């Protein structure tokens, strides 16, 4: 019976591959006649698919590592092509698993994430129906935003297929290779005396959240590794790069992160360590002329200057080049626009045309309100509440002092800092950050019993 079952699975797989081969042949013939360059692209794509199936674990790790180096090619749409290709590979791989009767690994949070992204599709449907604040001519932009969210679901699903194939520690350790090219490019930018370091990213802000995430992973490594000197040097290097991005919101995020991290088991050593880490970042930031200007600019805002109210700050924003006062003006404009379509907003990913100045809101809560209305904001807040709940449940279910529990708690501290950064920054648009965030959330829910993982591996 078992032999017959395996034979039928291989027969299904052989038929599927045969059909794919016929399709590839037809498409190749067409492309060769239409444009030889397209044929070359098709051959590369076919080779990628073959390698993906032949060396699945290595291919997935390679794709995870590669993503951090692609934003520099945003003008050429390379990140978008990568996302579409990754989505296609994931769907193809899962389809083959289902057709051959093998297990497709998911977990309860993946189903929540998939359901939440599907729910966001309602705004894509409502837009051409005229039920939102903008008309159907903006459908391509809205659909593009939904596909970006859908790619998060696919990343999570793809990483879940590594479960029982690779130890979770190995997957996380492999991710550190993703920082090599960004910090190398960042070093060249420092050498060229650029005022703000962006690495391989289009903006310093997106590089900052990427660095924050890997600073948290370094701290996780420090809790159980024996090579403390190496990870301490890396921690200092990443903090230096973080400061070199000259982003004020990252200082608030790292302050919240450190506070959450040291609070549960607060002792003198952790308190001193947390204060030293935060003090180091602040000192490095204030040591530069640009950093000093950024800190002084806060005193010319309603936050620290009682003589400047919000109305005056908005008026001053046209000529004082104060980024916080500009944000107040941007928020005021967007909130006035939201009042016209308060329940369902203007449409997914359409806050830029609503603003009318080709800029994002620089506040993800206002963005959610403008794009999705009151309903959209509620789903946005529920989305983060669900992540908090899931990580808390994992912490309760994992052994005290284990690597898995420690990772879950560090991710919880990072998650606590994200809503703080969202007050003044477009973190929701930091696609690379969330690419690695969902990778870590997926791995955090695996079975971390290494002995059991080895016993379940199909090939020892």
Protein backbone atom coordinates (compact mmCIF):
# COMPACT_ATOMS: atom_id res chain seq x y z
CA UNK A 1 0.00 0.00 0.00
CA UNK A 2 2.78 2.42 0.97
CA UNK A 3 4.69 1.63 -2.23
CA UNK A 4 1.60 2.20 -4.37
CA UNK A 5 0.92 5.48 -2.60
CA UNK A 6 4.45 6.70 -3.25
CA UNK A 7 4.28 5.59 -6.87
CA UNK A 8 1.07 7.53 -7.40
CA UNK A 9 2.64 10.64 -5.90
CA UNK A 10 5.66 10.37 -8.19
CA UNK A 11 3.35 9.80 -11.17
CA UNK A 12 1.41 12.98 -10.35
CA UNK A 13 4.69 14.89 -9.97
CA UNK A 14 6.01 13.50 -13.27
CA UNK A 15 2.81 14.52 -15.10
CA UNK A 16 2.96 17.98 -13.56
CA UNK A 17 6.60 18.47 -14.54
CA UNK A 18 5.83 17.20 -18.02
CA UNK A 19 3.04 19.74 -18.43
CA UNK A 20 5.35 22.47 -17.16
CA UNK A 21 7.98 21.35 -19.66
CA UNK A 22 5.51 21.53 -22.54
CA UNK A 23 4.43 24.99 -21.39
CA UNK A 24 8.02 26.15 -21.12
CA UNK A 25 8.72 24.88 -24.65
CA UNK A 26 5.75 26.73 -26.10
CA UNK A 27 6.57 29.95 -24.26
CA UNK A 28 10.25 29.70 -25.22
CA UNK A 29 9.39 29.37 -28.89
CA UNK A 30 7.14 32.39 -28.72
CA UNK A 31 9.72 34.49 -26.86
CA UNK A 32 12.51 33.53 -29.25
CA UNK A 33 10.46 34.94 -32.12
CA UNK A 34 9.28 38.02 -30.22
CA UNK A 35 12.42 39.14 -28.38
CA UNK A 36 15.61 37.15 -27.75
CA UNK A 37 16.18 39.02 -24.48
CA UNK A 38 12.91 37.65 -23.16
CA UNK A 39 14.12 34.17 -24.06
CA UNK A 40 17.26 34.71 -21.98
CA UNK A 41 15.08 35.88 -19.10
CA UNK A 42 12.89 32.79 -19.47
CA UNK A 43 15.95 30.50 -19.40
CA UNK A 44 17.20 32.20 -16.23
CA UNK A 45 13.76 31.83 -14.68
CA UNK A 46 13.63 28.13 -15.61
CA UNK A 47 17.08 27.59 -14.08
CA UNK A 48 15.96 29.36 -10.92
CA UNK A 49 12.90 27.14 -10.63
CA UNK A 50 15.01 24.02 -11.13
CA UNK A 51 17.50 25.08 -8.46
CA UNK A 52 14.65 26.07 -6.14
CA UNK A 53 13.23 22.54 -6.22
CA UNK A 54 16.57 20.70 -6.34
CA UNK A 55 18.19 22.63 -3.46
CA UNK A 56 15.17 23.95 -1.63
CA UNK A 57 16.75 24.80 1.74
CA UNK A 58 19.78 26.55 0.23
CA UNK A 59 17.60 28.38 -2.30
CA UNK A 60 15.24 29.76 0.36
CA UNK A 61 18.10 30.89 2.58
CA UNK A 62 19.72 32.53 -0.45
CA UNK A 63 16.52 34.41 -1.26
CA UNK A 64 16.21 35.57 2.35
CA UNK A 65 19.78 36.84 2.36
CA UNK A 66 19.47 38.50 -1.06
CA UNK A 67 16.43 40.67 -0.21
CA UNK A 68 18.38 43.27 1.80
CA UNK A 69 20.50 44.15 -1.24
CA UNK A 70 17.69 44.90 -3.70
CA UNK A 71 16.23 48.24 -2.62
CA UNK A 72 19.10 50.08 -4.28
CA UNK A 73 17.55 48.91 -7.58
CA UNK A 74 14.05 50.22 -6.81
CA UNK A 75 14.13 52.53 -9.84
CA UNK A 76 14.50 49.43 -12.03
CA UNK A 77 11.58 47.74 -10.19
CA UNK A 78 13.84 44.88 -9.08
CA UNK A 79 12.30 44.56 -5.58
CA UNK A 80 8.83 44.31 -7.16
CA UNK A 81 10.04 41.66 -9.62
CA UNK A 82 11.67 39.78 -6.74
CA UNK A 83 8.43 39.85 -4.74
CA UNK A 84 6.35 38.59 -7.66
CA UNK A 85 8.90 35.86 -8.40
CA UNK A 86 8.99 34.80 -4.75
CA UNK A 87 5.20 34.67 -4.64
CA UNK A 88 5.13 32.52 -7.77
CA UNK A 89 7.82 30.14 -6.50
CA UNK A 90 6.04 29.74 -3.17
CA UNK A 91 2.67 29.02 -4.77
CA UNK A 92 4.28 26.56 -7.20
CA UNK A 93 6.14 24.74 -4.42
CA UNK A 94 3.06 24.50 -2.21
CA UNK A 95 1.00 23.26 -5.16
CA UNK A 96 3.52 20.48 -5.80
CA UNK A 97 3.44 19.53 -2.11
CA UNK A 98 -0.34 19.28 -2.19
CA UNK A 99 -0.44 17.29 -5.43
CA UNK A 100 2.12 14.82 -4.12
CA UNK A 101 0.39 14.42 -0.76
CA UNK A 102 3.15 15.95 1.33
CA UNK A 103 2.66 18.24 4.31
CA UNK A 104 2.33 21.97 3.85
CA UNK A 105 3.47 23.56 7.10
CA UNK A 106 1.45 26.45 8.49
CA UNK A 107 0.64 27.72 11.97
CA UNK A 108 -2.29 29.55 13.51
CA UNK A 109 -0.78 32.99 13.06
CA UNK A 110 -0.14 32.38 9.37
CA UNK A 111 -3.86 31.76 8.95
CA UNK A 112 -4.59 35.00 10.77
CA UNK A 113 -2.11 36.92 8.58
CA UNK A 114 -3.57 35.41 5.41
CA UNK A 115 -7.12 36.24 6.55
CA UNK A 116 -6.14 39.79 7.46
CA UNK A 117 -4.50 40.42 4.08
CA UNK A 118 -7.55 38.91 2.35
CA UNK A 119 -9.70 41.34 4.35
CA UNK A 120 -7.63 44.25 3.02
CA UNK A 121 -8.70 43.14 -0.46
CA UNK A 122 -12.17 44.52 0.29
CA UNK A 123 -10.79 48.04 -0.22
CA UNK A 124 -9.40 46.99 -3.62
CA UNK A 125 -12.88 45.75 -4.59
CA UNK A 126 -14.70 48.81 -3.26
CA UNK A 127 -12.47 51.28 -5.13
CA UNK A 128 -13.71 50.63 -8.70
CA UNK A 129 -17.27 50.37 -7.36
CA UNK A 130 -17.13 54.03 -6.34
CA UNK A 131 -17.60 53.29 -2.64
CA UNK A 132 -14.42 55.08 -1.52
CA UNK A 133 -13.09 58.63 -1.62
CA UNK A 134 -11.24 58.12 -4.94
CA UNK A 135 -12.37 56.56 -8.20
CA UNK A 136 -11.36 53.42 -10.06
CA UNK A 137 -8.55 55.10 -11.99
CA UNK A 138 -6.38 54.57 -8.89
CA UNK A 139 -6.97 50.81 -8.91
CA UNK A 140 -3.44 49.87 -10.16
CA UNK A 141 -1.79 51.69 -7.23
CA UNK A 142 -4.20 50.14 -4.73
CA UNK A 143 -3.75 46.66 -6.20
CA UNK A 144 0.03 47.09 -6.07
CA UNK A 145 -0.18 47.82 -2.34
CA UNK A 146 -2.31 44.73 -1.77
CA UNK A 147 0.19 42.56 -3.66
CA UNK A 148 2.92 43.97 -1.38
CA UNK A 149 0.94 42.82 1.66
CA UNK A 150 0.25 39.46 0.00
CA UNK A 151 4.01 38.95 -0.43
CA UNK A 152 4.32 38.99 3.40
CA UNK A 153 1.93 36.03 3.52
CA UNK A 154 4.04 34.22 0.94
CA UNK A 155 7.32 34.91 2.77
CA UNK A 156 5.83 33.52 5.98
CA UNK A 157 4.50 30.45 4.13
CA UNK A 158 7.79 29.82 2.35
CA UNK A 159 9.83 30.00 5.57
CA UNK A 160 7.36 27.62 7.23
CA UNK A 161 8.29 24.97 4.65
CA UNK A 162 11.80 24.92 6.14
CA UNK A 163 10.31 23.59 9.37
CA UNK A 164 11.74 20.16 10.29
CA UNK A 165 14.29 20.58 7.49
CA UNK A 166 16.63 23.09 9.17
CA UNK A 167 17.22 23.94 12.83
CA UNK A 168 15.68 27.35 13.69
CA UNK A 169 19.02 28.63 15.04
CA UNK A 170 20.66 27.96 11.67
CA UNK A 171 17.97 29.89 9.79
CA UNK A 172 18.34 32.92 12.07
CA UNK A 173 22.13 32.77 11.99
CA UNK A 174 22.02 32.69 8.17
CA UNK A 175 20.09 35.96 8.16
CA UNK A 176 23.15 37.79 9.46
CA UNK A 177 24.67 37.39 5.99
CA UNK A 178 21.97 39.81 4.84
CA UNK A 179 23.73 42.70 6.59
CA UNK A 180 27.07 42.28 4.79
CA UNK A 181 26.33 44.22 1.61
CA UNK A 182 24.27 47.00 3.28
CA UNK A 183 27.00 47.78 5.82
CA UNK A 184 29.72 47.51 3.15
CA UNK A 185 27.94 50.06 0.98
CA UNK A 186 27.32 52.11 4.12
CA UNK A 187 31.06 52.13 4.80
CA UNK A 188 31.69 53.59 1.34
CA UNK A 189 29.07 56.25 2.03
CA UNK A 190 30.80 57.14 5.31
CA UNK A 191 34.11 57.35 3.45
CA UNK A 192 32.47 59.72 0.96
CA UNK A 193 31.27 61.85 3.91
CA UNK A 194 27.59 61.51 3.11
CA UNK A 195 25.53 63.28 5.80
CA UNK A 196 23.08 60.36 6.13
CA UNK A 197 23.93 56.71 5.53
CA UNK A 198 21.41 54.66 3.56
CA UNK A 199 23.32 51.44 2.81
CA UNK A 200 21.59 49.55 0.01
CA UNK A 201 18.29 51.21 0.88
CA UNK A 202 16.64 54.15 -0.81
CA UNK A 203 16.27 56.15 2.39
CA UNK A 204 18.07 56.40 5.72
CA UNK A 205 14.82 55.70 7.58
CA UNK A 206 14.35 52.28 6.00
CA UNK A 207 17.99 51.42 6.73
CA UNK A 208 17.42 52.44 10.37
CA UNK A 209 14.57 49.98 10.99
CA UNK A 210 16.56 47.24 9.26
CA UNK A 211 19.50 47.95 11.60
CA UNK A 212 17.24 47.99 14.66
CA UNK A 213 15.93 44.54 13.82
CA UNK A 214 19.44 43.11 13.50
CA UNK A 215 20.58 44.86 16.68
CA UNK A 216 17.83 42.91 18.43
CA UNK A 217 19.10 39.66 16.87
CA UNK A 218 22.65 40.42 18.02
CA UNK A 219 21.34 40.87 21.58
CA UNK A 220 19.60 37.50 21.25
CA UNK A 221 22.89 35.93 20.18
CA UNK A 222 24.72 37.50 23.13
CA UNK A 223 22.44 35.70 25.57
CA UNK A 224 23.79 32.25 24.73
CA UNK A 225 26.82 32.44 22.45
CA UNK A 226 30.37 31.85 23.69
CA UNK A 227 31.97 34.36 21.30
CA UNK A 228 30.85 37.44 23.15
CA UNK A 229 33.65 39.61 21.77
CA UNK A 230 32.55 39.08 18.17
CA UNK A 231 28.91 39.90 18.83
CA UNK A 232 29.80 42.89 21.01
CA UNK A 233 31.91 44.30 18.16
CA UNK A 234 29.04 43.70 15.73
CA UNK A 235 26.62 45.35 18.14
CA UNK A 236 28.82 48.43 18.36
CA UNK A 237 29.19 48.53 14.58
CA UNK A 238 25.43 48.33 13.98
CA UNK A 239 24.81 51.04 16.59
CA UNK A 240 27.36 53.22 14.79
CA UNK A 241 25.55 52.70 11.50
CA UNK A 242 22.20 53.39 13.18
CA UNK A 243 23.49 56.72 14.45
CA UNK A 244 24.90 57.48 11.00
CA UNK A 245 21.38 57.30 9.53
CA UNK A 246 20.64 60.48 11.57
CA UNK A 247 17.04 59.41 12.25
CA UNK A 248 15.37 60.77 15.37
CA UNK A 249 12.54 58.22 15.39
CA UNK A 250 15.07 55.38 15.70
CA UNK A 251 16.29 56.88 19.00
CA UNK A 252 12.76 56.66 20.41
CA UNK A 253 12.39 53.12 19.12
CA UNK A 254 15.63 51.89 20.64
CA UNK A 255 14.74 53.58 23.94
CA UNK A 256 11.42 51.72 24.08
CA UNK A 257 13.08 48.49 22.96
CA UNK A 258 15.72 48.65 25.71
CA UNK A 259 13.13 49.60 28.35
CA UNK A 260 10.91 46.63 27.52
CA UNK A 261 13.91 44.32 27.31
CA UNK A 262 15.27 45.07 30.78
CA UNK A 263 12.01 45.60 32.71
CA UNK A 264 10.84 42.00 33.43
CA UNK A 265 14.04 40.94 35.19
CA UNK A 266 15.42 44.28 36.15
CA UNK A 267 18.71 44.14 38.04
CA UNK A 268 21.70 46.42 38.35
CA UNK A 269 23.67 44.73 35.56
CA UNK A 270 20.79 44.90 33.06
CA UNK A 271 19.97 48.47 34.06
CA UNK A 272 23.57 49.58 33.55
CA UNK A 273 23.85 47.63 30.29
CA UNK A 274 20.61 49.13 28.93
CA UNK A 275 21.63 52.65 29.94
CA UNK A 276 25.06 52.20 28.37
CA UNK A 277 23.58 50.97 25.10
CA UNK A 278 21.11 53.84 24.87
CA UNK A 279 23.67 56.35 26.12
CA UNK A 280 26.15 55.19 23.47
CA UNK A 281 23.60 55.74 20.71
CA UNK A 282 22.63 59.19 22.01
CA UNK A 283 26.26 60.24 22.48
CA UNK A 284 27.21 59.17 18.96
CA UNK A 285 24.16 60.92 17.53
CA UNK A 286 24.89 64.18 19.38
CA UNK A 287 28.57 64.08 18.42
CA UNK A 288 27.83 64.97 14.80
CA UNK A 289 26.91 68.43 13.52
CA UNK A 290 23.88 67.08 11.71
CA UNK A 291 22.72 65.22 14.83
CA UNK A 292 23.05 68.37 16.91
CA UNK A 293 20.96 70.28 14.38
CA UNK A 294 18.27 67.58 14.51
CA UNK A 295 18.14 67.71 18.31
CA UNK A 296 18.03 71.52 18.37
CA UNK A 297 15.18 71.50 15.83
CA UNK A 298 12.96 69.76 18.40
CA UNK A 299 13.12 72.85 20.62
CA UNK A 300 11.39 74.82 17.84
CA UNK A 301 8.29 72.62 17.95
CA UNK A 302 5.20 72.49 20.20
CA UNK A 303 6.79 69.52 21.96
CA UNK A 304 9.42 71.58 23.82
CA UNK A 305 8.52 75.20 23.10
CA UNK A 306 5.37 76.46 24.89
CA UNK A 307 5.42 79.64 22.76
CA UNK A 308 4.72 77.60 19.60
CA UNK A 309 1.25 76.07 19.36
CA UNK A 310 0.16 73.63 16.67
CA UNK A 311 -1.40 76.33 14.48
CA UNK A 312 1.76 78.40 14.50
CA UNK A 313 3.91 75.31 13.86
CA UNK A 314 1.83 74.57 10.75
CA UNK A 315 2.28 78.13 9.51
CA UNK A 316 6.02 78.00 10.20
CA UNK A 317 6.41 74.70 8.34
CA UNK A 318 6.49 76.44 4.97
CA UNK A 319 9.83 78.11 5.63
CA UNK A 320 11.54 76.89 8.80
CA UNK A 321 12.69 73.52 7.33
CA UNK A 322 11.69 71.84 10.59
CA UNK A 323 10.68 68.26 9.79
CA UNK A 324 8.41 67.91 12.82
CA UNK A 325 6.48 71.10 12.03
CA UNK A 326 6.19 69.88 8.44
CA UNK A 327 4.70 66.65 9.76
CA UNK A 328 2.10 68.59 11.73
CA UNK A 329 1.10 70.38 8.53
CA UNK A 330 0.95 67.09 6.61
CA UNK A 331 -1.21 65.44 9.29
CA UNK A 332 -3.54 68.43 9.47
CA UNK A 333 -4.08 68.35 5.70
CA UNK A 334 -4.70 64.60 5.62
CA UNK A 335 -7.11 64.62 8.56
CA UNK A 336 -9.16 67.31 6.85
CA UNK A 337 -9.28 65.15 3.73
CA UNK A 338 -10.27 62.08 5.79
CA UNK A 339 -13.39 63.87 7.06
CA UNK A 340 -14.80 63.70 3.52
CA UNK A 341 -14.66 59.87 3.48
CA UNK A 342 -14.48 58.84 7.16
CA UNK A 343 -15.84 55.27 7.23
CA UNK A 344 -13.91 53.42 4.49
CA UNK A 345 -11.36 56.07 3.52
CA UNK A 346 -9.87 56.57 0.09
CA UNK A 347 -8.39 53.18 -0.74
CA UNK A 348 -5.47 50.92 0.03
CA UNK A 349 -2.09 52.57 -0.61
CA UNK A 350 -3.63 55.87 -1.76
CA UNK A 351 -2.55 58.29 0.97
CA UNK A 352 -0.01 59.90 -1.42
CA UNK A 353 -2.60 61.09 -3.99
CA UNK A 354 -4.81 62.24 -1.12
CA UNK A 355 -1.95 64.32 0.30
CA UNK A 356 -1.34 65.85 -3.12
CA UNK A 357 2.37 66.47 -2.56
CA UNK A 358 3.76 63.05 -3.58
CA UNK A 359 4.71 62.30 0.04
CA UNK A 360 3.54 59.72 2.55
CA UNK A 361 1.82 60.86 5.78
CA UNK A 362 4.83 60.16 8.06
CA UNK A 363 2.35 58.73 10.56
CA UNK A 364 1.12 55.20 9.96
CA UNK A 365 -2.02 55.67 12.08
CA UNK A 366 -3.12 58.64 9.99
CA UNK A 367 -2.21 56.64 6.90
CA UNK A 368 -4.43 53.76 8.02
CA UNK A 369 -7.24 56.22 8.81
CA UNK A 370 -7.02 58.02 5.47
CA UNK A 371 -6.64 54.89 3.35
CA UNK A 372 -9.09 52.64 5.22
CA UNK A 373 -11.25 55.02 7.21
CA UNK A 374 -12.37 54.16 10.72
CA UNK A 375 -12.84 50.51 9.70
CA UNK A 376 -9.35 50.35 8.28
CA UNK A 377 -7.79 51.89 11.37
CA UNK A 378 -9.56 49.37 13.60
CA UNK A 379 -8.23 46.45 11.52
CA UNK A 380 -4.76 48.04 11.58
CA UNK A 381 -4.73 48.25 15.38
CA UNK A 382 -6.19 44.75 15.69
CA UNK A 383 -3.39 43.48 13.47
CA UNK A 384 -0.72 44.63 15.90
CA UNK A 385 -2.74 43.54 18.93
CA UNK A 386 -2.85 40.02 17.44
CA UNK A 387 0.94 40.00 17.09
CA UNK A 388 1.35 41.03 20.73
CA UNK A 389 -1.04 38.28 21.81
CA UNK A 390 0.69 35.64 19.70
CA UNK A 391 4.18 36.46 21.00
CA UNK A 392 2.92 36.51 24.60
CA UNK A 393 1.37 33.07 24.07
CA UNK A 394 4.64 31.74 22.65
CA UNK A 395 6.54 33.13 25.65
CA UNK A 396 4.13 31.35 28.01
CA UNK A 397 4.39 28.07 26.11
CA UNK A 398 8.18 27.88 25.79
CA UNK A 399 10.60 26.77 28.55
CA UNK A 400 11.99 29.48 30.78
CA UNK A 401 15.53 30.44 29.78
CA UNK A 402 15.33 28.73 26.39
CA UNK A 403 16.64 30.27 23.18
CA UNK A 404 13.14 30.21 21.71
CA UNK A 405 11.61 32.07 24.64
CA UNK A 406 14.41 34.61 24.59
CA UNK A 407 13.86 35.24 20.88
CA UNK A 408 10.11 35.65 21.40
CA UNK A 409 10.70 38.18 24.15
CA UNK A 410 13.19 40.17 22.05
CA UNK A 411 10.69 40.19 19.18
CA UNK A 412 8.04 41.39 21.64
CA UNK A 413 10.33 44.24 22.71
CA UNK A 414 10.91 45.10 19.05
CA UNK A 415 7.17 44.95 18.36
CA UNK A 416 6.55 47.35 21.24
CA UNK A 417 8.89 49.89 19.67
CA UNK A 418 7.30 49.71 16.21
CA UNK A 419 4.03 51.53 17.12
CA UNK A 420 6.14 54.28 18.71
CA UNK A 421 8.15 54.77 15.53
CA UNK A 422 4.94 54.76 13.50
CA UNK A 423 3.88 58.03 15.14
CA UNK A 424 6.31 60.06 13.04
CA UNK A 425 7.57 57.63 10.38
CA UNK A 426 6.30 55.52 7.45
CA UNK A 427 7.38 52.20 8.93
CA UNK A 428 4.43 50.45 7.26
CA UNK A 429 6.15 51.11 3.92
CA UNK A 430 9.48 49.58 5.06
CA UNK A 431 9.00 46.39 3.05
CA UNK A 432 12.45 44.93 3.71
CA UNK A 433 11.99 45.26 7.46
CA UNK A 434 8.73 43.32 7.35
CA UNK A 435 10.27 40.74 5.00
CA UNK A 436 12.67 39.75 7.79
CA UNK A 437 10.11 40.39 10.52
CA UNK A 438 7.74 37.73 9.16
CA UNK A 439 10.66 35.37 8.67
CA UNK A 440 11.48 35.65 12.38
CA UNK A 441 7.84 35.39 13.49
CA UNK A 442 7.50 32.18 11.46
CA UNK A 443 10.67 30.65 12.93
CA UNK A 444 9.73 31.70 16.47
CA UNK A 445 6.71 29.39 16.37
CA UNK A 446 8.62 26.26 15.30
CA UNK A 447 9.41 23.30 17.47
CA UNK A 448 12.84 24.16 18.86
CA UNK A 449 13.55 20.68 20.22
CA UNK A 450 16.73 20.06 18.18
CA UNK A 451 16.79 16.32 18.86
CA UNK A 452 13.23 15.93 17.62
CA UNK A 453 13.97 18.06 14.55
CA UNK A 454 16.87 15.80 13.56
CA UNK A 455 14.73 12.70 14.04
CA UNK A 456 12.01 14.11 11.76
CA UNK A 457 14.36 15.11 8.94
CA UNK A 458 13.70 13.09 5.75
CA UNK A 459 17.43 12.95 4.95
CA UNK A 460 19.91 12.59 7.82
